[in-house]
Amino acid sequence: MIDVDQGDSTILYLNNQTIVIDTGGKRQNPDSITNNIIIPFLKSKGLNSIQTLIISHGDYDHMGEAINLVENFKVEKVIFNCGEFNDLEKELIKILDKKKIKHYSCIKELNIDKNKLYFLQTKEYDNENDNSNVIYTELDDYKFMFMGDASSTTEHEILNEYNLPNIDVLKVGHHGSNTSSSKEFIEEINPKYSIISVGKNNRYGHPNKEVLENLKKSKIYRTDKQGSIMFKIKKDKFKIETCSP
């Protein structure tokens, strides 16, 4: 999870494939995250292309850097969430079509070599946050969930539809807002590690105290405190590294 201030961006590197979930985005300083953080990070790891860019939903703090990333990096395909495209998504799609980059929306699963990403949406909502791509995957028997900005409404529907006990790593929904991470949901999935992507001294008061209380049984990592957070799985060994801001 890359420290992109008040926003989200997660990079998965699996079997020589690079998957980026969200790009972050700051309206007051457009393109700065891509130019100063994401592209330098990818290049420092020797990564020259992105096989899959996943947009959890159309909010600026999740996809505001997408056009700049696509313009400056080789991207093979883009995945959008369910629901109607907003203006920001339409703007990106124009660029994708111009560059002949394939794009899809509202998918159920994605094969990444020997791994699968499962998209757990159960229905379409009338707002971007609840239409967030909620992603579940198992990597070497470790269970990961990425919640986008999905609210407790979506959480409730997911619990009714899926059996998801004992998640190892949870990307906490909506930057730790009290609209997400309901007590019922957290008790059911029982995360071992909770990661919160959040800006230092942000004006929203994220993460919410009640949410932190709900997550207290897990080990909590926050980008405003620990900076970027890296999970490494190699030969069944699980390692966590942080890079202070």
C-alpha atoms as a PDB file:
ATOM      1  CA  MET A   1       0.000   0.000   0.000  1.00  0.00           C
ATOM      2  CA  ILE A   2       1.591   3.210  -1.238  1.00  0.00           C
ATOM      3  CA  ASP A   3       1.388   6.302   0.951  1.00  0.00           C
ATOM      4  CA  VAL A   4      -0.603   8.676  -1.287  1.00  0.00           C
ATOM      5  CA  ASP A   5      -1.824  10.933   1.536  1.00  0.00           C
ATOM      6  CA  GLN A   6      -5.655  11.091   1.680  1.00  0.00           C
ATOM      7  CA  GLY A   7      -6.410   8.493  -0.979  1.00  0.00           C
ATOM      8  CA  ASP A   8      -5.806   4.860  -1.944  1.00  0.00           C
ATOM      9  CA  SER A   9      -3.225   3.050  -4.047  1.00  0.00           C
ATOM     10  CA  THR A  10      -2.180  -0.572  -3.674  1.00  0.00           C
ATOM     11  CA  ILE A  11       0.263  -2.484  -5.862  1.00  0.00           C
ATOM     12  CA  LEU A  12       0.237  -6.285  -6.122  1.00  0.00           C
ATOM     13  CA  TYR A  13       3.150  -8.082  -7.747  1.00  0.00           C
ATOM     14  CA  LEU A  14       2.215 -11.690  -8.433  1.00  0.00           C
ATOM     15  CA  ASN A  15       4.052 -14.165 -10.643  1.00  0.00           C
ATOM     16  CA  ASN A  16       5.646 -11.443 -12.775  1.00  0.00           C
ATOM     17  CA  GLN A  17       2.358  -9.571 -13.126  1.00  0.00           C
ATOM     18  CA  THR A  18       1.764  -6.097 -11.738  1.00  0.00           C
ATOM     19  CA  ILE A  19      -1.727  -5.130 -10.579  1.00  0.00           C
ATOM     20  CA  VAL A  20      -2.445  -1.597  -9.385  1.00  0.00           C
ATOM     21  CA  ILE A  21      -5.619  -1.035  -7.367  1.00  0.00           C
ATOM     22  CA  ASP A  22      -6.367   2.714  -7.434  1.00  0.00           C
ATOM     23  CA  THR A  23      -3.970   5.561  -8.082  1.00  0.00           C
ATOM     24  CA  GLY A  24      -4.683   8.154  -5.425  1.00  0.00           C
ATOM     25  CA  GLY A  25      -5.299  11.729  -6.515  1.00  0.00           C
ATOM     26  CA  LYS A  26      -5.025  15.278  -5.166  1.00  0.00           C
ATOM     27  CA  ARG A  27      -7.034  17.970  -6.952  1.00  0.00           C
ATOM     28  CA  GLN A  28      -4.814  20.753  -5.633  1.00  0.00           C
ATOM     29  CA  ASN A  29      -1.674  19.112  -7.018  1.00  0.00           C
ATOM     30  CA  PRO A  30      -2.632  16.881  -9.979  1.00  0.00           C
ATOM     31  CA  ASP A  31      -0.118  14.360 -11.328  1.00  0.00           C
ATOM     32  CA  SER A  32       2.206  14.764  -8.322  1.00  0.00           C
ATOM     33  CA  ILE A  33       1.491  11.302  -6.895  1.00  0.00           C
ATOM     34  CA  THR A  34       2.137   9.526 -10.195  1.00  0.00           C
ATOM     35  CA  ASN A  35       5.283  11.480 -11.025  1.00  0.00           C
ATOM     36  CA  ASN A  36       6.777  11.574  -7.539  1.00  0.00           C
ATOM     37  CA  ILE A  37       5.586   8.334  -5.937  1.00  0.00           C
ATOM     38  CA  ILE A  38       3.943   5.605  -8.044  1.00  0.00           C
ATOM     39  CA  ILE A  39       6.107   5.613 -11.196  1.00  0.00           C
ATOM     40  CA  PRO A  40       9.404   5.991  -9.266  1.00  0.00           C
ATOM     41  CA  PHE A  41       8.336   3.135  -6.974  1.00  0.00           C
ATOM     42  CA  LEU A  42       7.470   0.810  -9.881  1.00  0.00           C
ATOM     43  CA  LYS A  43      10.708   1.625 -11.675  1.00  0.00           C
ATOM     44  CA  SER A  44      12.730   1.101  -8.501  1.00  0.00           C
ATOM     45  CA  LYS A  45      11.378  -2.469  -8.498  1.00  0.00           C
ATOM     46  CA  GLY A  46      12.298  -2.958 -12.146  1.00  0.00           C
ATOM     47  CA  LEU A  47       8.648  -2.956 -13.238  1.00  0.00           C
ATOM     48  CA  ASN A  48       8.077  -1.462 -16.681  1.00  0.00           C
ATOM     49  CA  SER A  49       4.443  -2.275 -17.308  1.00  0.00           C
ATOM     50  CA  ILE A  50       1.122  -2.734 -15.511  1.00  0.00           C
ATOM     51  CA  GLN A  51      -0.869  -5.744 -16.595  1.00  0.00           C
ATOM     52  CA  THR A  52      -4.047  -4.657 -14.790  1.00  0.00           C
ATOM     53  CA  LEU A  53      -5.168  -1.313 -13.403  1.00  0.00           C
ATOM     54  CA  ILE A  54      -8.227  -1.707 -11.180  1.00  0.00           C
ATOM     55  CA  ILE A  55     -10.316   1.341 -10.339  1.00  0.00           C
ATOM     56  CA  SER A  56     -12.222   0.589  -7.140  1.00  0.00           C
ATOM     57  CA  HIS A  57     -14.652   3.437  -7.953  1.00  0.00           C
ATOM     58  CA  GLY A  58     -14.804   6.836  -9.580  1.00  0.00           C
ATOM     59  CA  ASP A  59     -13.831   9.165  -6.706  1.00  0.00           C
ATOM     60  CA  TYR A  60     -10.886  11.471  -7.367  1.00  0.00           C
ATOM     61  CA  ASP A  61      -8.835  10.266  -4.378  1.00  0.00           C
ATOM     62  CA  HIS A  62      -8.941   6.750  -5.845  1.00  0.00           C
ATOM     63  CA  MET A  63      -8.527   7.373  -9.588  1.00  0.00           C
ATOM     64  CA  GLY A  64      -7.445  10.985 -10.027  1.00  0.00           C
ATOM     65  CA  GLU A  65      -3.976   9.921 -11.199  1.00  0.00           C
ATOM     66  CA  ALA A  66      -5.209   7.228 -13.601  1.00  0.00           C
ATOM     67  CA  ILE A  67      -4.902   9.271 -16.801  1.00  0.00           C
ATOM     68  CA  ASN A  68      -1.386  10.394 -15.930  1.00  0.00           C
ATOM     69  CA  LEU A  69      -0.407   6.800 -15.126  1.00  0.00           C
ATOM     70  CA  VAL A  70      -1.812   5.516 -18.424  1.00  0.00           C
ATOM     71  CA  GLU A  71      -0.109   8.337 -20.351  1.00  0.00           C
ATOM     72  CA  ASN A  72       3.294   7.619 -18.799  1.00  0.00           C
ATOM     73  CA  PHE A  73       3.311   3.855 -18.307  1.00  0.00           C
ATOM     74  CA  LYS A  74       2.390   0.820 -20.371  1.00  0.00           C
ATOM     75  CA  VAL A  75      -0.981  -0.465 -19.110  1.00  0.00           C
ATOM     76  CA  GLU A  76      -2.555  -3.575 -20.644  1.00  0.00           C
ATOM     77  CA  LYS A  77      -6.122  -3.408 -19.273  1.00  0.00           C
ATOM     78  CA  VAL A  78      -8.314  -1.445 -16.891  1.00  0.00           C
ATOM     79  CA  ILE A  79     -11.140  -2.732 -14.672  1.00  0.00           C
ATOM     80  CA  PHE A  80     -13.956  -0.416 -13.557  1.00  0.00           C
ATOM     81  CA  ASN A  81     -16.604  -1.008 -10.903  1.00  0.00           C
ATOM     82  CA  CYS A  82     -20.333  -1.533 -11.430  1.00  0.00           C
ATOM     83  CA  GLY A  83     -22.722   1.368 -12.010  1.00  0.00           C
ATOM     84  CA  GLU A  84     -22.855   4.267 -14.440  1.00  0.00           C
ATOM     85  CA  PHE A  85     -19.597   5.955 -15.409  1.00  0.00           C
ATOM     86  CA  ASN A  86     -19.081   9.409 -13.944  1.00  0.00           C
ATOM     87  CA  ASP A  87     -17.288  12.264 -15.738  1.00  0.00           C
ATOM     88  CA  LEU A  88     -13.865  11.266 -14.378  1.00  0.00           C
ATOM     89  CA  GLU A  89     -14.292   7.679 -15.591  1.00  0.00           C
ATOM     90  CA  LYS A  90     -15.589   8.838 -18.988  1.00  0.00           C
ATOM     91  CA  GLU A  91     -12.515  11.052 -19.373  1.00  0.00           C
ATOM     92  CA  LEU A  92     -10.254   8.077 -18.658  1.00  0.00           C
ATOM     93  CA  ILE A  93     -12.183   5.836 -21.070  1.00  0.00           C
ATOM     94  CA  LYS A  94     -11.599   8.343 -23.900  1.00  0.00           C
ATOM     95  CA  ILE A  95      -7.855   8.003 -23.329  1.00  0.00           C
ATOM     96  CA  LEU A  96      -8.069   4.202 -23.094  1.00  0.00           C
ATOM     97  CA  ASP A  97      -9.979   3.999 -26.387  1.00  0.00           C
ATOM     98  CA  LYS A  98      -7.481   6.319 -28.054  1.00  0.00           C
ATOM     99  CA  LYS A  99      -4.607   4.132 -26.890  1.00  0.00           C
ATOM    100  CA  LYS A 100      -6.544   0.916 -27.663  1.00  0.00           C
ATOM    101  CA  ILE A 101      -6.285  -0.252 -24.039  1.00  0.00           C
ATOM    102  CA  LYS A 102      -8.956  -2.813 -23.164  1.00  0.00           C
ATOM    103  CA  HIS A 103     -11.321  -1.932 -20.343  1.00  0.00           C
ATOM    104  CA  TYR A 104     -14.052  -3.830 -18.526  1.00  0.00           C
ATOM    105  CA  SER A 105     -16.593  -3.107 -15.816  1.00  0.00           C
ATOM    106  CA  CYS A 106     -18.601  -5.031 -13.226  1.00  0.00           C
ATOM    107  CA  ILE A 107     -16.655  -8.290 -13.503  1.00  0.00           C
ATOM    108  CA  LYS A 108     -16.876 -11.202 -11.072  1.00  0.00           C
ATOM    109  CA  GLU A 109     -13.351 -12.600 -11.140  1.00  0.00           C
ATOM    110  CA  LEU A 110      -9.958 -12.079 -12.687  1.00  0.00           C
ATOM    111  CA  ASN A 111      -7.285 -14.692 -13.338  1.00  0.00           C
ATOM    112  CA  ILE A 112      -3.751 -13.614 -12.466  1.00  0.00           C
ATOM    113  CA  ASP A 113      -1.659 -16.584 -13.578  1.00  0.00           C
ATOM    114  CA  LYS A 114      -2.281 -19.146 -10.796  1.00  0.00           C
ATOM    115  CA  ASN A 115      -4.165 -16.680  -8.622  1.00  0.00           C
ATOM    116  CA  LYS A 116      -7.703 -15.327  -8.775  1.00  0.00           C
ATOM    117  CA  LEU A 117      -9.108 -11.996  -7.698  1.00  0.00           C
ATOM    118  CA  TYR A 118     -12.782 -12.247  -6.739  1.00  0.00           C
ATOM    119  CA  PHE A 119     -15.031  -9.189  -7.000  1.00  0.00           C
ATOM    120  CA  LEU A 120     -17.675  -9.472  -4.296  1.00  0.00           C
ATOM    121  CA  GLN A 121     -20.268  -6.914  -5.381  1.00  0.00           C
ATOM    122  CA  THR A 122     -23.759  -8.314  -4.875  1.00  0.00           C
ATOM    123  CA  LYS A 123     -25.817  -5.599  -6.598  1.00  0.00           C
ATOM    124  CA  GLU A 124     -25.715  -2.084  -8.034  1.00  0.00           C
ATOM    125  CA  TYR A 125     -26.232   0.917  -5.789  1.00  0.00           C
ATOM    126  CA  ASP A 126     -27.011   4.544  -6.534  1.00  0.00           C
ATOM    127  CA  ASN A 127     -23.692   5.863  -5.180  1.00  0.00           C
ATOM    128  CA  GLU A 128     -20.022   5.410  -6.072  1.00  0.00           C
ATOM    129  CA  ASN A 129     -18.837   4.287  -2.640  1.00  0.00           C
ATOM    130  CA  ASP A 130     -21.199   1.332  -2.345  1.00  0.00           C
ATOM    131  CA  ASN A 131     -20.462   0.385  -5.947  1.00  0.00           C
ATOM    132  CA  SER A 132     -16.772   0.061  -5.036  1.00  0.00           C
ATOM    133  CA  ASN A 133     -14.973  -3.012  -6.302  1.00  0.00           C
ATOM    134  CA  VAL A 134     -14.558  -5.146  -3.178  1.00  0.00           C
ATOM    135  CA  ILE A 135     -11.785  -7.634  -3.912  1.00  0.00           C
ATOM    136  CA  TYR A 136     -10.929 -10.904  -2.196  1.00  0.00           C
ATOM    137  CA  THR A 137      -7.911 -13.051  -2.992  1.00  0.00           C
ATOM    138  CA  GLU A 138      -5.819 -15.826  -1.460  1.00  0.00           C
ATOM    139  CA  LEU A 139      -2.064 -15.636  -1.910  1.00  0.00           C
ATOM    140  CA  ASP A 140      -0.153 -18.680  -0.647  1.00  0.00           C
ATOM    141  CA  ASP A 141      -3.064 -19.393   1.740  1.00  0.00           C
ATOM    142  CA  TYR A 142      -3.070 -15.823   3.089  1.00  0.00           C
ATOM    143  CA  LYS A 143      -6.438 -14.123   2.660  1.00  0.00           C
ATOM    144  CA  PHE A 144      -6.621 -10.495   1.528  1.00  0.00           C
ATOM    145  CA  MET A 145      -9.621  -8.161   1.197  1.00  0.00           C
ATOM    146  CA  PHE A 146      -9.649  -4.710  -0.383  1.00  0.00           C
ATOM    147  CA  MET A 147     -12.771  -2.719   0.496  1.00  0.00           C
ATOM    148  CA  GLY A 148     -12.494   0.449  -1.615  1.00  0.00           C
ATOM    149  CA  ASP A 149     -14.921   2.925  -0.039  1.00  0.00           C
ATOM    150  CA  ALA A 150     -17.726   0.379   0.436  1.00  0.00           C
ATOM    151  CA  SER A 151     -20.001   1.238   3.348  1.00  0.00           C
ATOM    152  CA  SER A 152     -21.650  -0.891   6.022  1.00  0.00           C
ATOM    153  CA  THR A 153     -24.565  -1.373   3.596  1.00  0.00           C
ATOM    154  CA  THR A 154     -22.296  -3.249   1.178  1.00  0.00           C
ATOM    155  CA  GLU A 155     -20.598  -5.051   4.078  1.00  0.00           C
ATOM    156  CA  HIS A 156     -23.955  -6.399   5.224  1.00  0.00           C
ATOM    157  CA  GLU A 157     -24.798  -7.670   1.727  1.00  0.00           C
ATOM    158  CA  ILE A 158     -21.381  -9.347   1.430  1.00  0.00           C
ATOM    159  CA  LEU A 159     -21.840 -11.139   4.752  1.00  0.00           C
ATOM    160  CA  ASN A 160     -25.201 -12.444   3.546  1.00  0.00           C
ATOM    161  CA  GLU A 161     -23.703 -13.684   0.282  1.00  0.00           C
ATOM    162  CA  TYR A 162     -20.254 -15.019   1.195  1.00  0.00           C
ATOM    163  CA  ASN A 163     -18.493 -16.948   3.930  1.00  0.00           C
ATOM    164  CA  LEU A 164     -15.324 -14.954   4.720  1.00  0.00           C
ATOM    165  CA  PRO A 165     -13.895 -15.931   8.102  1.00  0.00           C
ATOM    166  CA  ASN A 166     -10.424 -14.996   9.334  1.00  0.00           C
ATOM    167  CA  ILE A 167      -9.072 -12.555   6.781  1.00  0.00           C
ATOM    168  CA  ASP A 168      -5.314 -12.110   7.135  1.00  0.00           C
ATOM    169  CA  VAL A 169      -5.012  -8.611   5.647  1.00  0.00           C
ATOM    170  CA  LEU A 170      -7.894  -6.143   5.362  1.00  0.00           C
ATOM    171  CA  LYS A 171      -7.600  -2.917   3.371  1.00  0.00           C
ATOM    172  CA  VAL A 172      -9.988  -0.987   5.580  1.00  0.00           C
ATOM    173  CA  GLY A 173     -12.924   0.652   3.810  1.00  0.00           C
ATOM    174  CA  HIS A 174     -13.177   4.403   3.198  1.00  0.00           C
ATOM    175  CA  HIS A 175      -9.946   5.436   4.961  1.00  0.00           C
ATOM    176  CA  GLY A 176     -11.312   4.407   8.355  1.00  0.00           C
ATOM    177  CA  SER A 177     -14.530   6.439   8.057  1.00  0.00           C
ATOM    178  CA  ASN A 178     -17.391   5.486  10.379  1.00  0.00           C
ATOM    179  CA  THR A 179     -19.521   4.731   7.306  1.00  0.00           C
ATOM    180  CA  SER A 180     -17.538   1.494   6.940  1.00  0.00           C
ATOM    181  CA  SER A 181     -15.978  -1.267   9.074  1.00  0.00           C
ATOM    182  CA  SER A 182     -19.112  -1.994  11.089  1.00  0.00           C
ATOM    183  CA  LYS A 183     -18.664  -4.041  14.245  1.00  0.00           C
ATOM    184  CA  GLU A 184     -20.744  -6.889  12.761  1.00  0.00           C
ATOM    185  CA  PHE A 185     -18.560  -7.039   9.645  1.00  0.00           C
ATOM    186  CA  ILE A 186     -15.221  -6.853  11.447  1.00  0.00           C
ATOM    187  CA  GLU A 187     -16.221  -9.484  14.010  1.00  0.00           C
ATOM    188  CA  GLU A 188     -17.260 -11.833  11.211  1.00  0.00           C
ATOM    189  CA  ILE A 189     -14.176 -11.516   8.997  1.00  0.00           C
ATOM    190  CA  ASN A 190     -11.827 -11.191  12.010  1.00  0.00           C
ATOM    191  CA  PRO A 191      -8.831  -9.550  10.273  1.00  0.00           C
ATOM    192  CA  LYS A 192      -5.350 -10.275  11.573  1.00  0.00           C
ATOM    193  CA  TYR A 193      -3.883  -7.095  10.047  1.00  0.00           C
ATOM    194  CA  SER A 194      -5.819  -3.953   9.144  1.00  0.00           C
ATOM    195  CA  ILE A 195      -4.280  -1.345   6.858  1.00  0.00           C
ATOM    196  CA  ILE A 196      -5.701   2.162   6.601  1.00  0.00           C
ATOM    197  CA  SER A 197      -4.705   4.534   3.797  1.00  0.00           C
ATOM    198  CA  VAL A 198      -5.214   7.999   5.214  1.00  0.00           C
ATOM    199  CA  GLY A 199      -3.706  11.490   5.083  1.00  0.00           C
ATOM    200  CA  LYS A 200      -1.949  12.997   8.071  1.00  0.00           C
ATOM    201  CA  ASN A 201      -4.182  15.470   9.964  1.00  0.00           C
ATOM    202  CA  ASN A 202      -6.875  15.097   7.294  1.00  0.00           C
ATOM    203  CA  ARG A 203      -9.975  17.299   7.503  1.00  0.00           C
ATOM    204  CA  TYR A 204     -12.342  14.325   7.718  1.00  0.00           C
ATOM    205  CA  GLY A 205     -11.053  13.072  11.041  1.00  0.00           C
ATOM    206  CA  HIS A 206     -10.138   9.693   9.518  1.00  0.00           C
ATOM    207  CA  PRO A 207      -9.683   7.133  10.922  1.00  0.00           C
ATOM    208  CA  ASN A 208     -12.717   7.279  13.183  1.00  0.00           C
ATOM    209  CA  LYS A 209     -12.265   6.302  16.851  1.00  0.00           C
ATOM    210  CA  GLU A 210     -15.188   3.885  16.719  1.00  0.00           C
ATOM    211  CA  VAL A 211     -13.659   2.131  13.705  1.00  0.00           C
ATOM    212  CA  LEU A 212     -10.307   1.824  15.478  1.00  0.00           C
ATOM    213  CA  GLU A 213     -12.165   0.287  18.404  1.00  0.00           C
ATOM    214  CA  ASN A 214     -13.850  -2.214  16.058  1.00  0.00           C
ATOM    215  CA  LEU A 215     -10.423  -3.119  14.633  1.00  0.00           C
ATOM    216  CA  LYS A 216      -8.573  -3.329  17.962  1.00  0.00           C
ATOM    217  CA  LYS A 217      -8.159  -7.124  17.862  1.00  0.00           C
ATOM    218  CA  SER A 218      -6.122  -6.756  14.668  1.00  0.00           C
ATOM    219  CA  LYS A 219      -2.692  -5.247  14.191  1.00  0.00           C
ATOM    220  CA  ILE A 220      -3.398  -1.821  12.646  1.00  0.00           C
ATOM    221  CA  TYR A 221      -1.092  -0.132  10.135  1.00  0.00           C
ATOM    222  CA  ARG A 222      -1.763   3.433   8.942  1.00  0.00           C
ATOM    223  CA  THR A 223      -0.067   5.286   6.109  1.00  0.00           C
ATOM    224  CA  ASP A 224      -0.220   8.551   8.086  1.00  0.00           C
ATOM    225  CA  LYS A 225       1.858   6.922  10.838  1.00  0.00           C
ATOM    226  CA  GLN A 226       3.929   4.184   9.142  1.00  0.00           C
ATOM    227  CA  GLY A 227       4.044   5.490   5.557  1.00  0.00           C
ATOM    228  CA  SER A 228       3.939   2.909   2.759  1.00  0.00           C
ATOM    229  CA  ILE A 229       3.272  -0.653   3.922  1.00  0.00           C
ATOM    230  CA  MET A 230       4.634  -3.752   2.186  1.00  0.00           C
ATOM    231  CA  PHE A 231       3.571  -7.367   2.707  1.00  0.00           C
ATOM    232  CA  LYS A 232       5.982  -9.970   1.366  1.00  0.00           C
ATOM    233  CA  ILE A 233       5.139 -13.636   0.963  1.00  0.00           C
ATOM    234  CA  LYS A 234       8.003 -15.914   0.011  1.00  0.00           C
ATOM    235  CA  LYS A 235       8.223 -19.665   0.560  1.00  0.00           C
ATOM    236  CA  ASP A 236       5.252 -19.502   2.952  1.00  0.00           C
ATOM    237  CA  LYS A 237       6.972 -16.833   5.046  1.00  0.00           C
ATOM    238  CA  PHE A 238       5.014 -13.657   5.705  1.00  0.00           C
ATOM    239  CA  LYS A 239       6.878 -10.409   6.315  1.00  0.00           C
ATOM    240  CA  ILE A 240       5.710  -6.801   6.849  1.00  0.00           C
ATOM    241  CA  GLU A 241       7.851  -3.772   6.080  1.00  0.00           C
ATOM    242  CA  THR A 242       7.028  -0.091   6.435  1.00  0.00           C
ATOM    243  CA  CYS A 243       8.627   2.996   4.950  1.00  0.00           C
ATOM    244  CA  SER A 244       8.188   6.039   7.145  1.00  0.00           C
ATOM    245  CA  PRO A 245       6.838   9.167   5.431  1.00  0.00           C
END
